[in-house]
Protein backbone atom coordinates (compact mmCIF):
# COMPACT_ATOMS: atom_id res chain seq x y z
CA MET A 1 45.92 -75.68 19.91
CA ASN A 2 46.53 -72.30 18.42
CA ASP A 3 48.84 -69.96 20.27
CA MET A 4 46.47 -67.06 19.72
CA ASN A 5 43.61 -68.62 21.60
CA HIS A 6 45.71 -69.27 24.61
CA PRO A 7 44.81 -66.96 27.52
CA ASP A 8 48.43 -66.01 28.23
CA ASN A 9 49.00 -64.87 24.65
CA SER A 10 45.93 -62.60 24.55
CA ASP A 11 47.07 -60.71 27.65
CA ASP A 12 50.49 -60.29 26.14
CA LEU A 13 48.96 -59.08 22.88
CA GLN A 14 46.71 -56.61 24.70
CA ALA A 15 49.68 -55.15 26.55
CA ARG A 16 51.67 -54.72 23.35
CA LEU A 17 48.71 -52.96 21.69
CA ARG A 18 48.43 -50.51 24.57
CA ALA A 19 52.12 -49.75 24.28
CA LEU A 20 51.78 -48.56 20.67
CA PRO A 21 51.65 -44.76 20.17
CA ALA A 22 48.13 -43.32 19.72
CA GLU A 23 49.11 -41.37 16.58
CA ARG A 24 51.77 -42.08 14.11
CA LEU A 25 52.93 -39.42 11.68
CA PRO A 26 54.38 -40.45 8.37
CA PRO A 27 57.91 -39.29 7.69
CA ALA A 28 58.42 -35.88 6.01
CA ARG A 29 59.52 -37.48 2.72
CA VAL A 30 56.04 -39.04 2.37
CA TRP A 31 54.41 -35.59 2.66
CA GLN A 32 56.82 -34.18 0.11
CA GLY A 33 55.87 -36.91 -2.34
CA ILE A 34 52.17 -36.19 -1.87
CA ALA A 35 52.70 -32.44 -2.38
CA ALA A 36 54.65 -33.05 -5.60
CA GLN A 37 51.75 -35.04 -7.06
CA LEU A 38 49.12 -32.30 -6.34
CA PRO A 39 48.40 -29.69 -9.05
CA ALA A 40 49.72 -26.21 -8.34
CA MET A 41 47.02 -23.91 -6.86
CA PRO A 42 47.14 -20.13 -7.42
CA MET A 43 47.46 -18.10 -4.25
CA PRO A 44 44.61 -15.61 -3.65
CA ALA A 45 45.57 -11.97 -3.98
CA PRO A 46 45.38 -10.05 -0.71
CA ALA A 47 42.44 -7.61 -0.45
CA PRO A 48 43.29 -3.90 -0.37
CA ALA A 49 43.33 -2.56 3.17
CA ALA A 50 40.98 0.40 2.40
CA VAL A 51 38.04 -1.74 1.19
CA THR A 52 35.90 -3.37 3.83
CA VAL A 53 33.76 -6.19 2.57
CA LEU A 54 30.45 -6.57 4.34
CA PRO A 55 28.91 -10.00 4.55
CA ARG A 56 26.09 -10.59 2.07
CA ARG A 57 23.44 -10.67 4.77
CA ARG A 58 24.20 -7.08 5.69
CA ARG A 59 24.02 -5.70 2.14
CA TRP A 60 20.36 -6.42 1.34
CA PRO A 61 18.81 -4.12 4.00
CA LEU A 62 20.91 -1.29 2.61
CA ARG A 63 19.71 -2.02 -0.92
CA VAL A 64 16.09 -2.29 0.18
CA GLY A 65 16.37 0.98 2.10
CA LEU A 66 17.89 2.75 -0.88
CA GLY A 67 15.16 1.37 -3.16
CA MET A 68 12.43 2.56 -0.81
CA ALA A 69 14.01 6.00 -0.52
CA ALA A 70 14.18 6.26 -4.32
CA ALA A 71 10.52 5.22 -4.65
CA LEU A 72 9.45 7.75 -2.02
CA GLY A 73 11.46 10.47 -3.76
CA LEU A 74 9.84 9.57 -7.06
CA LEU A 75 6.37 9.76 -5.51
CA MET A 76 7.12 13.19 -4.09
CA VAL A 77 8.49 14.53 -7.38
CA VAL A 78 5.93 13.10 -9.82
CA PRO A 79 2.56 14.79 -9.37
CA THR A 80 -0.35 12.46 -8.85
CA PRO A 81 -3.50 13.29 -10.77
CA VAL A 82 -6.37 14.57 -8.67
CA PRO A 83 -9.45 12.47 -9.31
CA GLN A 84 -12.04 14.67 -10.93
CA THR A 85 -15.66 14.40 -9.96
CA PRO A 86 -17.81 13.85 -13.00
CA PRO A 87 -20.15 16.67 -13.94
CA PRO A 88 -23.70 16.24 -12.64
CA THR A 89 -26.02 14.31 -14.91
CA LEU A 90 -29.22 15.74 -16.35
CA VAL A 91 -31.26 13.90 -13.72
CA GLN A 92 -29.09 15.32 -10.91
CA ARG A 93 -29.49 18.86 -12.28
CA GLN A 94 -33.26 18.40 -12.52
CA ALA A 95 -33.35 17.06 -8.95
CA GLU A 96 -31.35 20.06 -7.68
CA ALA A 97 -33.74 22.45 -9.46
CA MET A 98 -36.71 20.58 -7.98
CA VAL A 99 -35.26 20.85 -4.46
CA ALA A 100 -34.73 24.60 -4.91
CA GLU A 101 -38.32 25.11 -6.15
CA TYR A 102 -39.68 23.01 -3.27
CA GLN A 103 -37.73 25.03 -0.70
CA GLN A 104 -39.02 28.30 -2.22
CA ALA A 105 -42.61 27.04 -2.12
CA MET A 106 -42.23 25.87 1.49
CA ALA A 107 -40.80 29.24 2.47
CA THR A 108 -44.01 30.96 1.37
CA LEU A 109 -46.23 28.78 3.59
CA PRO A 110 -46.62 29.50 7.34
CA THR A 111 -45.74 26.03 8.66
CA ALA A 112 -44.98 27.07 12.25
CA GLN A 113 -48.63 26.97 13.33
CA VAL A 114 -49.53 23.65 11.63
CA GLY A 115 -51.40 21.38 14.06
CA GLY A 116 -49.80 18.42 15.80
CA GLU A 117 -51.96 15.86 14.02
CA TRP A 118 -50.30 16.79 10.70
CA GLN A 119 -46.71 16.55 11.97
CA PRO A 120 -46.21 12.72 11.74
CA ALA A 121 -47.31 12.66 8.10
CA LEU A 122 -45.16 15.69 7.23
CA ARG A 123 -42.10 14.15 8.95
CA GLU A 124 -42.67 10.88 7.06
CA LEU A 125 -42.77 12.72 3.72
CA ASP A 126 -39.59 14.65 4.62
CA SER A 127 -37.84 11.38 5.53
CA SER A 128 -38.95 9.80 2.26
CA ALA A 129 -37.60 12.77 0.29
CA ASP A 130 -34.24 12.47 2.10
CA HIS A 131 -34.04 8.76 1.25
CA ILE A 132 -34.90 9.38 -2.38
CA ARG A 133 -32.20 12.08 -2.64
CA ALA A 134 -29.66 9.65 -1.10
CA ALA A 135 -30.67 6.99 -3.64
CA LEU A 136 -30.29 9.56 -6.42
CA SER A 137 -26.73 10.30 -5.33
CA GLU A 138 -25.94 6.57 -5.66
CA ASN A 139 -27.81 6.18 -8.97
CA PRO A 140 -27.60 9.61 -10.63
CA ARG A 141 -29.25 8.57 -13.92
CA SER A 142 -32.47 7.11 -12.48
CA ARG A 143 -35.54 8.84 -13.89
CA VAL A 144 -37.74 6.64 -11.69
CA LEU A 145 -36.18 8.13 -8.55
CA LEU A 146 -36.58 11.63 -10.00
CA GLY A 147 -40.29 10.94 -10.55
CA GLN A 148 -40.66 9.63 -6.98
CA LEU A 149 -38.95 12.73 -5.61
CA GLN A 150 -41.29 14.96 -7.64
CA ARG A 151 -44.39 13.09 -6.35
CA THR A 152 -43.11 13.21 -2.75
CA TYR A 153 -42.51 16.98 -2.90
CA ALA A 154 -45.87 17.56 -4.53
CA LEU A 155 -47.60 15.51 -1.83
CA ARG A 156 -45.68 17.31 0.91
CA LEU A 157 -46.70 20.73 -0.48
CA GLU A 158 -50.32 19.66 -0.84
CA LEU A 159 -50.43 18.25 2.70
CA THR A 160 -48.83 21.41 4.10
CA GLN A 161 -51.38 23.59 2.26
CA GLN A 162 -54.23 21.47 3.67
CA ALA A 163 -52.78 21.79 7.18
CA VAL A 164 -52.53 25.59 6.81
CA MET A 165 -56.11 25.81 5.53
CA ALA A 166 -57.36 23.56 8.36
CA ALA A 167 -55.65 25.80 10.90
CA GLY A 168 -57.36 28.81 9.35
CA LEU A 169 -54.08 30.58 8.57
CA PRO A 170 -53.73 32.83 5.53
CA SER A 171 -51.76 31.15 2.78
């Protein structure tokens, strides 16, 4: 039988293993031999005492802040062009002239005493004229809208004249 498999020998072996030191350092001459085989490494130069080096993560907010300040300064110095409103189109000028003529014609008629039965129709024509003028401001070149505005004003004037005549007021 093998001496290693014997129970008395394994206990003896276990005891001897526990008696060994946990760490064993090689002798100094071994370290000197290893150091001699390594290539020589240059020593880093010490940093000047007056310069403080910030970590990279702290530099980018400073750079972003400086960039934003420069952009803001540039915006304040460089004048921005003021958007110019385009001159009124021919249709818009005709519509403005038509509104002025309509208002003058309405001013000559005594509309205060017009009967109540005429008021809903007159309000409806006024509302239609307002809508047409709003549509003209969105589509300033539309001759169709200009024609509708002209017909609406003409109808409003005619209806107002009929209401004045029906009330027996002098026109």
